């Protein structure tokens, strides 16, 4: 039997299977089995990426998701163990092992199976002495400690594997094979010949003795963080007679169970191959609705095809995630689709940075689907986007109305740096006295004010006038909704029916004619913005391309250091190469 053995895969299944095909063409025949020995990286989606305890530069989707979704099928039966570059949430679902995709099997925390009469055993994870004697206490939601300890080997798994010893068994030699990770010009794969039973089935089988061991050690399972010692002298294998009795009993009880489970696993394999590709169209938004359904999300939009956020956009999203740590921060990106591979870290560092933040979700922006069941649907199907002079901004104005009306939450422009939570429920942000912005607002789902805004958007559509469908729309609808008055005192918000009209200093303490002040060095008595919830940096006015430069001591640099430290640390450069903020539809 020809068996291929691979080192750390790191999700590079396409490359490994391509190498196997090459080995088959150059070798003595087809390869029967692939064994992957750690760091398999079975990442299914962006949520799994966030459950990998690795630096952001290693968080890549790679190609496993194509096999999980059914887009591809492993050409060779693949058996693997996990390492420390794994999606902790995914593999914890299969502590005893199981199929992660058609023709790809995970051995679990520790496991033994048979293939063509050959026994295959393995243990997943890495060794850390301080966790070795603990139980498997980790559970979602993970924190920075448990997302790592979850893949630390425990003594109970080692103890289970040590029970496979038989009385009078002849000692055999142990051979070690050292392999590299899957990289060009590295020795990451080797094909070996292994003796097998020609009459044994050519599919994976449960190992009956291993199932017996699992049953006999069930009382040793510990799901707490307390330290736990295994029985002395390895306990079970000294009681060989008891183990033989248990084995016979288990063989009888499993006869029917295995037949049923094989049928179940077959159905599960079929279902897993259709998980995405066979999903009915009317169910495709369930994940998004679950994410946004509670009406507590902070929403950002990118209506261009741009995939790499500018440093200012990254700062806006990161600062919101820090201010609202218990709420999802959802960044809709038109350039991202369910079939678009996630961009590599080396090319899109800001994308990778934001993906690594626990409560940030980067999701595709499908405008046609978003506008369904709203007054904007007929407008969107009829408008000629290529003929619109301000299409990116107009489409952004429409999308923000629809998403907040449908799901509720807070919308923020991508040049708004959050500094503290907004306490108001339904609110609009005043840009000036009696004039509303549409760069920051929040409402509960299905609020009548936003519905009327969408109706007015369509009835009085004129894209030739910049802002007519944006802040002008909000202002004229607010005047219909209630009687606007001047703000009578410093930081005195106004209340109109069930909508709060927030004082300009809440979001716009620096008015747009003075936008350059953000990029100037301030005196020591610079303001603390104590009365502000967020700061709008007026990036639409920034035609000069001013940006944040490390060491410049400008107000903007201080804001970056304080409110988006990851962005500042990884994306802001020194004076030799300043990073500018690109103009975008969410930067008004």
Foldseek 3Di string as FASTA:
>chain_A
DKEKEFEAALQQLVVVLVVQVVCQVVDDHHHAEYEYEENPAQDQDLLLLLLQLDPLQSRFRHHNNCQQQQVDPRPHQYEYAYERRYSLVVLVVCQCKDDSGHSYIYRHQWHWKDALADIDIDHFYAADPLQQQFAQQDDPPDDSPNSRSNRHHHPLRVLLVVQPDAPPDDDDDDDDDDFDYPDPPGRGMDMDDDDGNPPDDRDMGHDLLSVLSCVVCVVVHHNGGDGHDDDPPSPPNVPVVVSVVSSVVSVVVCPVVVVVVVVVSVVVNVCSSNVPVVDDPVCPCVVVCVQQAVQAEEEEEFQDLDDAAFLLLLQQQQLVCVQCVPHAYEYEHQNDDPPDGRDNCVVHVSNSVQSNRNRYHYYYDDPCVLCPPALCNVVVVPDDLVPFPPNQQLSVLLNVLSVCQARWHKYAFSNKRFDHDDPAAFEFEALAALWTFQRITTYHHNDPLSRVLSVCCVVVPDRVDPCCSTRVSNSVSVVVQAPGDGDDDPQDWDDGDRYIYGYNLQADVPHPVRLCQQVDADDPPDDPSVSYRIYQSQVVPPPVQDADAPPSNGNNLVSCVPRPVVSSVPPAYHPVDGGGHDDGSSRD
